Amino acid sequence: MKKIILYHGSPNEVIVPQYGLGEDRHDYGKGFYLTESIELAKEWAVCRPDETNGWVHQYELDITNLKILDFQEHNVLHWLAELMKHRDADKSRRYKILSAKFIEEYGLDTSEYDVIKGWRANASYFYIAKEFVRDNIDIDILEELLSLGGLGIQYCIKSELAFSKLNEIKDGLCPVGYTEFNEKYNERDVEARNQMRNLINSDANKVTHVFSTLFER
């Protein structure tokens, strides 16, 4: 039996994770999202602008016999394709046409997995996706862009089996002050985005092997 400790940041003191709930428009679709970092969970608990304090819930997940899709073990294009399944990176007609082709080419079948693990597409990371589909980012620097900022890896609990193996550690519940950790969240986001812009505007970004060239034959 192998167990890992995960954290979930929330404005709610009481949470009951349930299979089948969640929003389709989250990064990996419906599911319950957690992280291995308690510090990131604290930031995510108060990342909303409503100035209310939050909570971090601690969980134990038995990953024995669970099928886990780790996007860090795959080409970053597969991760971007997964995002495009659930979130719109751009509103243009061009994007809608090309994103459908991109998903067909690089999208992975996630239906058989119990847990999905990968980057969290908050404001800074989603900024990368937007610039990429606008042909402003060369594919060769995508991996480096994703390493900037340390914005965190998340786990998405997807299957009924995975939910049955997730148990909250009641004495691990931790209150989170809005002022301190919302400021940390914003500082991290601003720093990450500045580093990303610097790389995008550098000579390393050749802007030759870009989004639209993936469909040239």
N, C-alpha and C. Protein backbone atom coordinates (compact mmCIF):
# COMPACT_ATOMS: atom_id res chain seq x y z
N MET A 1 0.85 -1.19 0.00
CA MET A 1 0.00 0.00 0.00
C MET A 1 0.88 1.24 0.00
N LYS A 2 0.65 2.14 -0.94
CA LYS A 2 1.42 3.38 -1.02
C LYS A 2 0.47 4.56 -0.89
N LYS A 3 0.78 5.44 0.07
CA LYS A 3 -0.08 6.60 0.31
C LYS A 3 0.72 7.89 0.16
N ILE A 4 0.04 8.92 -0.32
CA ILE A 4 0.65 10.25 -0.41
C ILE A 4 -0.24 11.25 0.31
N ILE A 5 0.37 12.33 0.79
CA ILE A 5 -0.36 13.39 1.47
C ILE A 5 -0.58 14.54 0.50
N LEU A 6 -1.81 15.00 0.41
CA LEU A 6 -2.18 16.08 -0.49
C LEU A 6 -3.00 17.13 0.26
N TYR A 7 -3.04 18.35 -0.29
CA TYR A 7 -3.74 19.45 0.36
C TYR A 7 -4.69 20.13 -0.62
N HIS A 8 -5.80 20.60 -0.08
CA HIS A 8 -6.80 21.31 -0.88
C HIS A 8 -7.11 22.65 -0.23
N GLY A 9 -6.86 23.74 -0.95
CA GLY A 9 -7.18 25.06 -0.43
C GLY A 9 -8.58 25.49 -0.83
N SER A 10 -9.33 26.03 0.13
CA SER A 10 -10.73 26.36 -0.12
C SER A 10 -11.21 27.48 0.81
N PRO A 11 -12.22 28.25 0.39
CA PRO A 11 -12.84 29.20 1.31
C PRO A 11 -13.77 28.52 2.31
N ASN A 12 -14.00 27.22 2.14
CA ASN A 12 -14.97 26.49 2.95
C ASN A 12 -14.29 25.64 4.02
N GLU A 13 -14.83 25.73 5.23
CA GLU A 13 -14.27 24.95 6.34
C GLU A 13 -14.70 23.49 6.25
N VAL A 14 -15.86 23.23 5.69
CA VAL A 14 -16.36 21.86 5.55
C VAL A 14 -16.44 21.51 4.07
N ILE A 15 -15.81 20.42 3.70
CA ILE A 15 -15.81 19.95 2.31
C ILE A 15 -16.05 18.44 2.29
N VAL A 16 -16.89 18.01 1.36
CA VAL A 16 -17.11 16.58 1.16
C VAL A 16 -16.85 16.27 -0.31
N PRO A 17 -15.64 15.83 -0.67
CA PRO A 17 -15.34 15.50 -2.07
C PRO A 17 -16.26 14.39 -2.57
N GLN A 18 -16.85 14.61 -3.75
CA GLN A 18 -17.78 13.63 -4.29
C GLN A 18 -17.49 13.37 -5.76
N TYR A 19 -17.53 12.11 -6.11
CA TYR A 19 -17.33 11.71 -7.50
C TYR A 19 -18.42 12.31 -8.39
N GLY A 20 -18.00 12.85 -9.53
CA GLY A 20 -18.95 13.38 -10.51
C GLY A 20 -19.21 14.86 -10.38
N LEU A 21 -18.69 15.49 -9.31
CA LEU A 21 -18.89 16.92 -9.13
C LEU A 21 -17.71 17.70 -9.69
N GLY A 22 -17.83 19.02 -9.68
CA GLY A 22 -16.78 19.88 -10.21
C GLY A 22 -17.21 20.52 -11.51
N GLU A 23 -16.35 21.37 -12.05
CA GLU A 23 -16.65 22.12 -13.25
C GLU A 23 -15.92 21.54 -14.47
N ASP A 24 -16.64 21.41 -15.58
CA ASP A 24 -16.02 20.95 -16.82
C ASP A 24 -14.94 21.91 -17.28
N ARG A 25 -15.08 23.19 -16.92
CA ARG A 25 -14.16 24.20 -17.44
C ARG A 25 -12.92 24.38 -16.56
N HIS A 26 -12.71 23.53 -15.59
CA HIS A 26 -11.44 23.52 -14.88
C HIS A 26 -10.39 22.83 -15.75
N ASP A 27 -9.12 22.94 -15.37
CA ASP A 27 -8.02 22.51 -16.24
C ASP A 27 -8.20 21.11 -16.81
N TYR A 28 -8.55 20.16 -15.95
CA TYR A 28 -8.69 18.77 -16.38
C TYR A 28 -10.14 18.29 -16.28
N GLY A 29 -11.06 19.23 -16.29
CA GLY A 29 -12.47 18.90 -16.24
C GLY A 29 -12.96 18.63 -14.83
N LYS A 30 -14.05 17.92 -14.73
CA LYS A 30 -14.65 17.63 -13.43
C LYS A 30 -13.69 16.81 -12.57
N GLY A 31 -13.72 17.07 -11.27
CA GLY A 31 -12.87 16.34 -10.35
C GLY A 31 -12.56 17.18 -9.13
N PHE A 32 -11.75 16.63 -8.23
CA PHE A 32 -11.37 17.31 -6.99
C PHE A 32 -9.87 17.57 -7.07
N TYR A 33 -9.48 18.84 -6.91
CA TYR A 33 -8.11 19.26 -7.18
C TYR A 33 -7.32 19.46 -5.88
N LEU A 34 -6.09 18.94 -5.86
CA LEU A 34 -5.23 19.04 -4.69
C LEU A 34 -3.79 19.28 -5.11
N THR A 35 -2.92 19.54 -4.12
CA THR A 35 -1.50 19.72 -4.37
C THR A 35 -0.69 19.08 -3.25
N GLU A 36 0.57 18.74 -3.55
CA GLU A 36 1.46 18.21 -2.52
C GLU A 36 2.04 19.31 -1.64
N SER A 37 1.89 20.56 -2.04
CA SER A 37 2.48 21.69 -1.32
C SER A 37 1.44 22.39 -0.45
N ILE A 38 1.64 22.37 0.86
CA ILE A 38 0.70 23.06 1.75
C ILE A 38 0.78 24.56 1.56
N GLU A 39 1.96 25.08 1.22
CA GLU A 39 2.10 26.53 1.01
C GLU A 39 1.30 26.98 -0.21
N LEU A 40 1.35 26.21 -1.28
CA LEU A 40 0.55 26.54 -2.46
C LEU A 40 -0.94 26.41 -2.16
N ALA A 41 -1.30 25.39 -1.39
CA ALA A 41 -2.70 25.21 -1.02
C ALA A 41 -3.22 26.42 -0.24
N LYS A 42 -2.38 26.98 0.63
CA LYS A 42 -2.76 28.17 1.39
C LYS A 42 -3.02 29.35 0.45
N GLU A 43 -2.17 29.51 -0.54
CA GLU A 43 -2.36 30.59 -1.51
C GLU A 43 -3.63 30.37 -2.32
N TRP A 44 -3.84 29.13 -2.75
CA TRP A 44 -5.03 28.84 -3.56
C TRP A 44 -6.32 28.97 -2.74
N ALA A 45 -6.21 28.87 -1.42
CA ALA A 45 -7.40 29.01 -0.56
C ALA A 45 -7.93 30.42 -0.54
N VAL A 46 -7.06 31.40 -0.84
CA VAL A 46 -7.47 32.81 -0.73
C VAL A 46 -7.11 33.58 -2.00
N CYS A 47 -7.13 32.91 -3.16
CA CYS A 47 -6.75 33.58 -4.40
C CYS A 47 -7.90 34.36 -5.02
N ARG A 48 -9.05 34.35 -4.37
CA ARG A 48 -10.20 35.11 -4.87
C ARG A 48 -10.14 36.54 -4.32
N PRO A 49 -10.82 37.49 -4.99
CA PRO A 49 -10.74 38.89 -4.54
C PRO A 49 -11.78 39.28 -3.49
N ASP A 50 -12.38 38.30 -2.81
CA ASP A 50 -13.47 38.64 -1.88
C ASP A 50 -12.99 38.92 -0.46
N GLU A 51 -11.66 38.84 -0.24
CA GLU A 51 -11.04 39.20 1.03
C GLU A 51 -11.56 38.40 2.23
N THR A 52 -11.91 37.15 1.99
CA THR A 52 -12.32 36.28 3.09
C THR A 52 -11.22 35.26 3.36
N ASN A 53 -11.08 34.89 4.63
CA ASN A 53 -10.08 33.90 5.00
C ASN A 53 -10.46 32.53 4.44
N GLY A 54 -9.50 31.62 4.40
CA GLY A 54 -9.77 30.31 3.83
C GLY A 54 -9.30 29.19 4.73
N TRP A 55 -9.29 28.00 4.15
CA TRP A 55 -8.91 26.79 4.88
C TRP A 55 -8.10 25.87 3.99
N VAL A 56 -7.17 25.15 4.60
CA VAL A 56 -6.47 24.08 3.89
C VAL A 56 -6.87 22.76 4.53
N HIS A 57 -7.35 21.86 3.68
CA HIS A 57 -7.75 20.52 4.11
C HIS A 57 -6.65 19.55 3.73
N GLN A 58 -6.30 18.67 4.63
CA GLN A 58 -5.25 17.69 4.40
C GLN A 58 -5.88 16.32 4.12
N TYR A 59 -5.35 15.64 3.10
CA TYR A 59 -5.90 14.35 2.69
C TYR A 59 -4.78 13.31 2.54
N GLU A 60 -5.19 12.08 2.68
CA GLU A 60 -4.32 10.94 2.41
C GLU A 60 -4.93 10.19 1.24
N LEU A 61 -4.12 9.97 0.21
CA LEU A 61 -4.59 9.24 -0.97
C LEU A 61 -3.78 7.95 -1.12
N ASP A 62 -4.48 6.84 -1.10
CA ASP A 62 -3.85 5.54 -1.35
C ASP A 62 -3.80 5.35 -2.86
N ILE A 63 -2.59 5.44 -3.42
CA ILE A 63 -2.45 5.37 -4.87
C ILE A 63 -2.20 3.95 -5.38
N THR A 64 -2.29 2.98 -4.48
CA THR A 64 -2.12 1.58 -4.89
C THR A 64 -3.15 1.22 -5.96
N ASN A 65 -2.68 0.70 -7.07
CA ASN A 65 -3.53 0.25 -8.18
C ASN A 65 -4.30 1.38 -8.87
N LEU A 66 -3.93 2.62 -8.61
CA LEU A 66 -4.57 3.72 -9.33
C LEU A 66 -3.78 4.02 -10.60
N LYS A 67 -4.50 4.32 -11.68
CA LYS A 67 -3.86 4.73 -12.93
C LYS A 67 -3.72 6.26 -12.90
N ILE A 68 -2.47 6.72 -12.91
CA ILE A 68 -2.21 8.15 -12.80
C ILE A 68 -1.57 8.65 -14.10
N LEU A 69 -2.19 9.65 -14.70
CA LEU A 69 -1.62 10.30 -15.88
C LEU A 69 -0.83 11.51 -15.42
N ASP A 70 0.48 11.48 -15.62
CA ASP A 70 1.35 12.58 -15.20
C ASP A 70 1.80 13.33 -16.44
N PHE A 71 1.29 14.55 -16.62
CA PHE A 71 1.63 15.31 -17.82
C PHE A 71 3.10 15.72 -17.86
N GLN A 72 3.79 15.69 -16.72
CA GLN A 72 5.22 16.00 -16.71
C GLN A 72 6.03 14.91 -17.42
N GLU A 73 5.43 13.75 -17.62
CA GLU A 73 6.11 12.65 -18.30
C GLU A 73 5.83 12.64 -19.80
N HIS A 74 5.08 13.63 -20.26
CA HIS A 74 4.70 13.71 -21.67
C HIS A 74 5.14 15.05 -22.26
N ASN A 75 5.12 15.13 -23.57
CA ASN A 75 5.40 16.39 -24.25
C ASN A 75 4.40 17.45 -23.78
N VAL A 76 4.88 18.66 -23.58
CA VAL A 76 4.04 19.74 -23.07
C VAL A 76 2.85 20.02 -23.98
N LEU A 77 2.96 19.66 -25.25
CA LEU A 77 1.85 19.88 -26.17
C LEU A 77 0.62 19.07 -25.76
N HIS A 78 0.83 17.92 -25.15
CA HIS A 78 -0.30 17.12 -24.69
C HIS A 78 -1.03 17.83 -23.55
N TRP A 79 -0.26 18.50 -22.68
CA TRP A 79 -0.88 19.26 -21.59
C TRP A 79 -1.70 20.42 -22.13
N LEU A 80 -1.16 21.14 -23.10
CA LEU A 80 -1.89 22.26 -23.70
C LEU A 80 -3.16 21.77 -24.39
N ALA A 81 -3.09 20.62 -25.02
CA ALA A 81 -4.28 20.06 -25.66
C ALA A 81 -5.36 19.75 -24.63
N GLU A 82 -4.95 19.24 -23.47
CA GLU A 82 -5.91 18.96 -22.41
C GLU A 82 -6.57 20.25 -21.93
N LEU A 83 -5.79 21.31 -21.78
CA LEU A 83 -6.36 22.60 -21.41
C LEU A 83 -7.40 23.07 -22.43
N MET A 84 -7.06 22.91 -23.69
CA MET A 84 -7.95 23.38 -24.75
C MET A 84 -9.27 22.62 -24.79
N LYS A 85 -9.27 21.39 -24.26
CA LYS A 85 -10.53 20.65 -24.19
C LYS A 85 -11.52 21.33 -23.25
N HIS A 86 -10.99 22.02 -22.24
CA HIS A 86 -11.84 22.52 -21.17
C HIS A 86 -11.91 24.04 -21.07
N ARG A 87 -10.91 24.72 -21.61
CA ARG A 87 -10.86 26.17 -21.45
C ARG A 87 -10.50 26.83 -22.78
N ASP A 88 -11.11 27.99 -23.06
CA ASP A 88 -10.83 28.72 -24.29
C ASP A 88 -9.67 29.68 -24.07
N ALA A 89 -8.59 29.49 -24.82
CA ALA A 89 -7.43 30.37 -24.70
C ALA A 89 -7.58 31.62 -25.56
N ASP A 90 -8.53 31.60 -26.47
CA ASP A 90 -8.73 32.76 -27.34
C ASP A 90 -10.15 32.68 -27.90
N LYS A 91 -10.70 33.82 -28.31
CA LYS A 91 -12.08 33.86 -28.78
C LYS A 91 -12.20 33.87 -30.30
N SER A 92 -11.08 33.94 -31.00
CA SER A 92 -11.14 34.12 -32.44
C SER A 92 -11.61 32.86 -33.17
N ARG A 93 -12.14 33.07 -34.37
CA ARG A 93 -12.59 31.94 -35.21
C ARG A 93 -11.38 31.09 -35.59
N ARG A 94 -10.24 31.73 -35.86
CA ARG A 94 -9.02 31.01 -36.21
C ARG A 94 -8.63 30.04 -35.11
N TYR A 95 -8.69 30.51 -33.87
CA TYR A 95 -8.33 29.64 -32.75
C TYR A 95 -9.28 28.45 -32.64
N LYS A 96 -10.56 28.70 -32.78
CA LYS A 96 -11.53 27.62 -32.65
C LYS A 96 -11.28 26.51 -33.67
N ILE A 97 -10.93 26.92 -34.90
CA ILE A 97 -10.67 25.94 -35.94
C ILE A 97 -9.37 25.17 -35.66
N LEU A 98 -8.30 25.92 -35.35
CA LEU A 98 -7.01 25.29 -35.14
C LEU A 98 -6.94 24.49 -33.83
N SER A 99 -7.64 24.96 -32.80
CA SER A 99 -7.60 24.23 -31.53
C SER A 99 -8.25 22.86 -31.67
N ALA A 100 -9.30 22.76 -32.47
CA ALA A 100 -9.93 21.46 -32.71
C ALA A 100 -8.94 20.50 -33.37
N LYS A 101 -8.16 21.01 -34.33
CA LYS A 101 -7.14 20.19 -34.99
C LYS A 101 -6.04 19.82 -34.00
N PHE A 102 -5.68 20.77 -33.16
CA PHE A 102 -4.61 20.55 -32.19
C PHE A 102 -5.01 19.47 -31.19
N ILE A 103 -6.25 19.53 -30.70
CA ILE A 103 -6.74 18.52 -29.76
C ILE A 103 -6.77 17.14 -30.41
N GLU A 104 -7.19 17.11 -31.67
CA GLU A 104 -7.24 15.83 -32.39
C GLU A 104 -5.84 15.23 -32.53
N GLU A 105 -4.85 16.11 -32.74
CA GLU A 105 -3.47 15.66 -32.97
C GLU A 105 -2.75 15.30 -31.68
N TYR A 106 -2.94 16.12 -30.62
CA TYR A 106 -2.12 15.98 -29.42
C TYR A 106 -2.90 15.61 -28.15
N GLY A 107 -4.21 15.60 -28.24
CA GLY A 107 -5.00 15.26 -27.07
C GLY A 107 -4.84 13.80 -26.66
N LEU A 108 -4.75 13.56 -25.36
CA LEU A 108 -4.66 12.19 -24.84
C LEU A 108 -6.03 11.74 -24.35
N ASP A 109 -6.28 10.46 -24.46
CA ASP A 109 -7.52 9.89 -23.92
C ASP A 109 -7.34 9.72 -22.41
N THR A 110 -8.01 10.56 -21.63
CA THR A 110 -7.86 10.53 -20.18
C THR A 110 -8.96 9.73 -19.48
N SER A 111 -9.85 9.15 -20.25
CA SER A 111 -11.05 8.52 -19.66
C SER A 111 -10.74 7.31 -18.79
N GLU A 112 -9.62 6.65 -19.02
CA GLU A 112 -9.30 5.44 -18.27
C GLU A 112 -8.45 5.72 -17.03
N TYR A 113 -8.14 6.98 -16.77
CA TYR A 113 -7.26 7.31 -15.65
C TYR A 113 -8.07 7.67 -14.40
N ASP A 114 -7.52 7.30 -13.25
CA ASP A 114 -8.14 7.61 -11.96
C ASP A 114 -7.74 8.99 -11.46
N VAL A 115 -6.50 9.39 -11.78
CA VAL A 115 -5.95 10.66 -11.30
C VAL A 115 -5.17 11.30 -12.44
N ILE A 116 -5.31 12.61 -12.58
CA ILE A 116 -4.49 13.37 -13.54
C ILE A 116 -3.60 14.31 -12.75
N LYS A 117 -2.32 14.32 -13.09
CA LYS A 117 -1.33 15.15 -12.41
C LYS A 117 -0.66 16.05 -13.45
N GLY A 118 -0.56 17.34 -13.13
CA GLY A 118 0.09 18.24 -14.08
C GLY A 118 0.08 19.67 -13.59
N TRP A 119 0.58 20.56 -14.43
CA TRP A 119 0.66 21.97 -14.06
C TRP A 119 -0.71 22.56 -13.81
N ARG A 120 -0.76 23.56 -12.95
CA ARG A 120 -2.00 24.29 -12.70
C ARG A 120 -2.03 25.53 -13.58
N ALA A 121 -3.05 25.64 -14.40
CA ALA A 121 -3.14 26.74 -15.37
C ALA A 121 -3.84 27.95 -14.77
N ASN A 122 -3.18 28.57 -13.78
CA ASN A 122 -3.74 29.81 -13.27
C ASN A 122 -3.37 30.95 -14.21
N ALA A 123 -3.49 32.19 -13.77
CA ALA A 123 -3.33 33.32 -14.67
C ALA A 123 -2.01 33.30 -15.44
N SER A 124 -0.92 33.03 -14.75
CA SER A 124 0.39 33.08 -15.41
C SER A 124 0.57 31.94 -16.40
N TYR A 125 0.20 30.74 -16.01
CA TYR A 125 0.37 29.62 -16.91
C TYR A 125 -0.58 29.71 -18.10
N PHE A 126 -1.78 30.21 -17.87
CA PHE A 126 -2.73 30.30 -18.97
C PHE A 126 -2.31 31.40 -19.94
N TYR A 127 -1.56 32.37 -19.43
CA TYR A 127 -0.96 33.40 -20.28
C TYR A 127 -0.08 32.74 -21.35
N ILE A 128 0.64 31.70 -20.98
CA ILE A 128 1.47 30.97 -21.94
C ILE A 128 0.60 30.37 -23.04
N ALA A 129 -0.48 29.73 -22.64
CA ALA A 129 -1.36 29.09 -23.63
C ALA A 129 -1.93 30.13 -24.60
N LYS A 130 -2.33 31.29 -24.08
CA LYS A 130 -2.88 32.33 -24.95
C LYS A 130 -1.84 32.82 -25.95
N GLU A 131 -0.62 33.07 -25.48
CA GLU A 131 0.43 33.55 -26.38
C GLU A 131 0.83 32.48 -27.39
N PHE A 132 0.79 31.24 -26.97
CA PHE A 132 1.16 30.14 -27.86
C PHE A 132 0.20 30.03 -29.04
N VAL A 133 -1.10 30.06 -28.77
CA VAL A 133 -2.06 29.90 -29.86
C VAL A 133 -2.11 31.14 -30.76
N ARG A 134 -1.54 32.24 -30.30
CA ARG A 134 -1.44 33.44 -31.14
C ARG A 134 -0.13 33.48 -31.92
N ASP A 135 0.62 32.37 -31.89
CA ASP A 135 1.88 32.23 -32.62
C ASP A 135 2.98 33.15 -32.10
N ASN A 136 2.94 33.50 -30.83
CA ASN A 136 3.95 34.37 -30.24
C ASN A 136 5.03 33.61 -29.48
N ILE A 137 4.91 32.28 -29.40
CA ILE A 137 5.87 31.47 -28.63
C ILE A 137 6.35 30.31 -29.47
N ASP A 138 7.66 30.15 -29.52
CA ASP A 138 8.24 29.01 -30.21
C ASP A 138 8.11 27.77 -29.33
N ILE A 139 7.79 26.65 -29.91
CA ILE A 139 7.61 25.40 -29.17
C ILE A 139 8.87 25.03 -28.38
N ASP A 140 10.03 25.43 -28.90
CA ASP A 140 11.29 25.05 -28.25
C ASP A 140 11.48 25.65 -26.86
N ILE A 141 10.74 26.72 -26.52
CA ILE A 141 10.90 27.32 -25.19
C ILE A 141 9.72 27.03 -24.27
N LEU A 142 8.78 26.23 -24.71
CA LEU A 142 7.58 25.96 -23.90
C LEU A 142 7.92 25.31 -22.57
N GLU A 143 8.75 24.30 -22.59
CA GLU A 143 9.11 23.60 -21.35
C GLU A 143 9.77 24.55 -20.35
N GLU A 144 10.66 25.40 -20.84
CA GLU A 144 11.33 26.34 -19.95
C GLU A 144 10.33 27.34 -19.39
N LEU A 145 9.41 27.79 -20.21
CA LEU A 145 8.38 28.72 -19.72
C LEU A 145 7.59 28.12 -18.57
N LEU A 146 7.25 26.84 -18.70
CA LEU A 146 6.45 26.19 -17.68
C LEU A 146 7.22 25.98 -16.38
N SER A 147 8.55 26.05 -16.45
CA SER A 147 9.35 25.87 -15.22
C SER A 147 9.47 27.15 -14.43
N LEU A 148 9.08 28.27 -15.01
CA LEU A 148 9.24 29.56 -14.35
C LEU A 148 8.16 29.81 -13.31
N GLY A 149 8.53 30.41 -12.21
CA GLY A 149 7.54 30.84 -11.23
C GLY A 149 7.20 29.84 -10.16
N GLY A 150 7.46 28.56 -10.38
CA GLY A 150 7.13 27.56 -9.37
C GLY A 150 5.67 27.59 -8.96
N LEU A 151 4.79 27.71 -9.94
CA LEU A 151 3.37 27.90 -9.61
C LEU A 151 2.63 26.63 -9.27
N GLY A 152 3.29 25.49 -9.36
CA GLY A 152 2.70 24.32 -8.75
C GLY A 152 2.12 23.26 -9.64
N ILE A 153 2.21 22.04 -9.13
CA ILE A 153 1.64 20.86 -9.76
C ILE A 153 0.39 20.47 -8.97
N GLN A 154 -0.66 20.12 -9.70
CA GLN A 154 -1.91 19.73 -9.06
C GLN A 154 -2.28 18.31 -9.42
N TYR A 155 -3.06 17.71 -8.53
CA TYR A 155 -3.64 16.39 -8.76
C TYR A 155 -5.14 16.57 -8.91
N CYS A 156 -5.70 15.92 -9.91
CA CYS A 156 -7.16 15.94 -10.08
C CYS A 156 -7.69 14.52 -9.88
N ILE A 157 -8.48 14.34 -8.84
CA ILE A 157 -9.09 13.04 -8.56
C ILE A 157 -10.29 12.88 -9.48
N LYS A 158 -10.26 11.85 -10.34
CA LYS A 158 -11.26 11.73 -11.39
C LYS A 158 -12.25 10.59 -11.19
N SER A 159 -11.76 9.41 -10.85
CA SER A 159 -12.60 8.21 -10.89
C SER A 159 -13.27 7.93 -9.54
N GLU A 160 -14.30 7.12 -9.60
CA GLU A 160 -14.98 6.71 -8.37
C GLU A 160 -14.02 5.93 -7.47
N LEU A 161 -13.15 5.12 -8.08
CA LEU A 161 -12.16 4.37 -7.31
C LEU A 161 -11.22 5.31 -6.56
N ALA A 162 -10.73 6.34 -7.24
CA ALA A 162 -9.80 7.28 -6.61
C ALA A 162 -10.48 8.02 -5.45
N PHE A 163 -11.73 8.40 -5.64
CA PHE A 163 -12.45 9.08 -4.55
C PHE A 163 -12.60 8.16 -3.34
N SER A 164 -12.77 6.87 -3.58
CA SER A 164 -12.92 5.93 -2.47
C SER A 164 -11.63 5.75 -1.70
N LYS A 165 -10.50 6.12 -2.31
CA LYS A 165 -9.20 5.97 -1.66
C LYS A 165 -8.68 7.29 -1.08
N LEU A 166 -9.52 8.32 -1.12
CA LEU A 166 -9.14 9.64 -0.60
C LEU A 166 -9.80 9.86 0.75
N ASN A 167 -9.00 10.11 1.78
CA ASN A 167 -9.54 10.30 3.12
C ASN A 167 -8.97 11.56 3.76
N GLU A 168 -9.86 12.38 4.31
CA GLU A 168 -9.39 13.62 4.95
C GLU A 168 -8.81 13.32 6.33
N ILE A 169 -7.69 13.98 6.62
CA ILE A 169 -7.07 13.91 7.94
C ILE A 169 -7.64 15.07 8.76
N LYS A 170 -8.57 14.77 9.64
CA LYS A 170 -9.36 15.81 10.30
C LYS A 170 -8.51 16.78 11.11
N ASP A 171 -7.48 16.27 11.78
CA ASP A 171 -6.67 17.18 12.58
C ASP A 171 -5.65 17.94 11.73
N GLY A 172 -5.74 17.77 10.41
CA GLY A 172 -4.86 18.51 9.52
C GLY A 172 -5.48 19.78 8.98
N LEU A 173 -6.72 20.07 9.38
CA LEU A 173 -7.40 21.28 8.92
C LEU A 173 -6.67 22.52 9.42
N CYS A 174 -6.41 23.46 8.51
CA CYS A 174 -5.58 24.62 8.84
C CYS A 174 -6.24 25.91 8.34
N PRO A 175 -6.48 26.90 9.24
CA PRO A 175 -7.03 28.19 8.80
C PRO A 175 -5.99 29.00 8.04
N VAL A 176 -6.44 29.80 7.08
CA VAL A 176 -5.54 30.59 6.25
C VAL A 176 -5.98 32.05 6.26
N GLY A 177 -5.08 32.94 6.66
CA GLY A 177 -5.39 34.37 6.67
C GLY A 177 -5.33 34.96 5.27
N TYR A 178 -6.35 35.71 4.90
CA TYR A 178 -6.46 36.24 3.54
C TYR A 178 -5.30 37.17 3.19
N THR A 179 -5.03 38.14 4.04
CA THR A 179 -4.06 39.20 3.71
C THR A 179 -2.69 38.64 3.38
N GLU A 180 -2.16 37.77 4.25
CA GLU A 180 -0.81 37.25 4.05
C GLU A 180 -0.70 36.39 2.80
N PHE A 181 -1.61 35.46 2.63
CA PHE A 181 -1.42 34.48 1.56
C PHE A 181 -1.99 34.94 0.22
N ASN A 182 -2.94 35.86 0.20
CA ASN A 182 -3.36 36.44 -1.07
C ASN A 182 -2.24 37.30 -1.63
N GLU A 183 -1.53 38.00 -0.76
CA GLU A 183 -0.39 38.80 -1.20
C GLU A 183 0.71 37.91 -1.77
N LYS A 184 0.97 36.77 -1.11
CA LYS A 184 1.97 35.83 -1.62
C LYS A 184 1.55 35.28 -2.97
N TYR A 185 0.28 34.96 -3.12
CA TYR A 185 -0.24 34.45 -4.39
C TYR A 185 -0.02 35.46 -5.50
N ASN A 186 -0.37 36.73 -5.24
CA ASN A 186 -0.22 37.78 -6.25
C ASN A 186 1.24 38.05 -6.58
N GLU A 187 2.10 38.04 -5.56
CA GLU A 187 3.53 38.26 -5.79
C GLU A 187 4.12 37.16 -6.66
N ARG A 188 3.73 35.93 -6.37
CA ARG A 188 4.22 34.79 -7.15
C ARG A 188 3.76 34.91 -8.61
N ASP A 189 2.51 35.29 -8.79
CA ASP A 189 1.95 35.41 -10.12
C ASP A 189 2.65 36.51 -10.92
N VAL A 190 2.87 37.67 -10.29
CA VAL A 190 3.52 38.80 -10.98
C VAL A 190 4.96 38.44 -11.35
N GLU A 191 5.69 37.83 -10.42
CA GLU A 191 7.08 37.45 -10.68
C GLU A 191 7.16 36.43 -11.81
N ALA A 192 6.28 35.45 -11.77
CA ALA A 192 6.28 34.43 -12.82
C ALA A 192 5.98 35.04 -14.18
N ARG A 193 5.00 35.92 -14.22
CA ARG A 193 4.62 36.50 -15.50
C ARG A 193 5.72 37.40 -16.06
N ASN A 194 6.41 38.11 -15.18
CA ASN A 194 7.54 38.94 -15.62
C ASN A 194 8.64 38.08 -16.23
N GLN A 195 8.95 36.95 -15.57
CA GLN A 195 9.98 36.06 -16.10
C GLN A 195 9.56 35.46 -17.43
N MET A 196 8.27 35.14 -17.54
CA MET A 196 7.77 34.57 -18.78
C MET A 196 7.86 35.58 -19.92
N ARG A 197 7.47 36.82 -19.65
CA ARG A 197 7.55 37.87 -20.69
C ARG A 197 8.99 38.09 -21.13
N ASN A 198 9.91 38.08 -20.16
CA ASN A 198 11.32 38.28 -20.49
C ASN A 198 11.82 37.18 -21.43
N LEU A 199 11.43 35.94 -21.15
CA LEU A 199 11.87 34.84 -22.01
C LEU A 199 11.21 34.93 -23.38
N ILE A 200 9.93 35.26 -23.42
CA ILE A 200 9.22 35.38 -24.69
C ILE A 200 9.82 36.49 -25.56
N ASN A 201 10.30 37.55 -24.90
CA ASN A 201 10.88 38.67 -25.64
C ASN A 201 12.38 38.53 -25.90
N SER A 202 12.95 37.40 -25.50
CA SER A 202 14.39 37.19 -25.66
C SER A 202 14.71 36.54 -27.00
N ASP A 203 16.02 36.48 -27.33
CA ASP A 203 16.45 35.86 -28.58
C ASP A 203 16.20 34.35 -28.59
N ALA A 204 15.99 33.77 -27.40
CA ALA A 204 15.72 32.33 -27.34
C ALA A 204 14.40 31.97 -28.01
N ASN A 205 13.50 32.93 -28.09
CA ASN A 205 12.20 32.71 -28.72
C ASN A 205 12.30 33.03 -30.20
N LYS A 206 12.59 32.00 -31.00
CA LYS A 206 12.82 32.20 -32.44
C LYS A 206 11.54 32.50 -33.21
N VAL A 207 10.40 32.12 -32.66
CA VAL A 207 9.08 32.33 -33.27
C VAL A 207 9.04 31.77 -34.70
N THR A 208 9.62 30.60 -34.86
CA THR A 208 9.56 29.94 -36.16
C THR A 208 8.75 28.65 -36.09
N HIS A 209 8.96 27.87 -35.03
CA HIS A 209 8.20 26.63 -34.83
C HIS A 209 7.07 26.94 -33.87
N VAL A 210 5.96 27.46 -34.40
CA VAL A 210 4.87 27.98 -33.58
C VAL A 210 3.59 27.16 -33.78
N PHE A 211 2.56 27.55 -33.09
CA PHE A 211 1.29 26.82 -33.06
C PHE A 211 0.78 26.47 -34.45
N SER A 212 0.62 27.46 -35.32
CA SER A 212 0.00 27.22 -36.63
C SER A 212 0.86 26.34 -37.51
N THR A 213 2.20 26.31 -37.29
CA THR A 213 3.07 25.48 -38.14
C THR A 213 2.89 23.99 -37.84
N LEU A 214 2.26 23.67 -36.73
CA LEU A 214 2.03 22.26 -36.41
C LEU A 214 1.10 21.60 -37.40
N PHE A 215 0.33 22.42 -38.15
CA PHE A 215 -0.67 21.88 -39.05
C PHE A 215 -0.27 22.03 -40.51
N GLU A 216 0.95 22.50 -40.73
CA GLU A 216 1.45 22.62 -42.10
C GLU A 216 1.93 21.26 -42.59
N ARG A 217 1.54 20.89 -43.72
CA ARG A 217 1.93 19.59 -44.29
C ARG A 217 2.64 19.79 -45.63
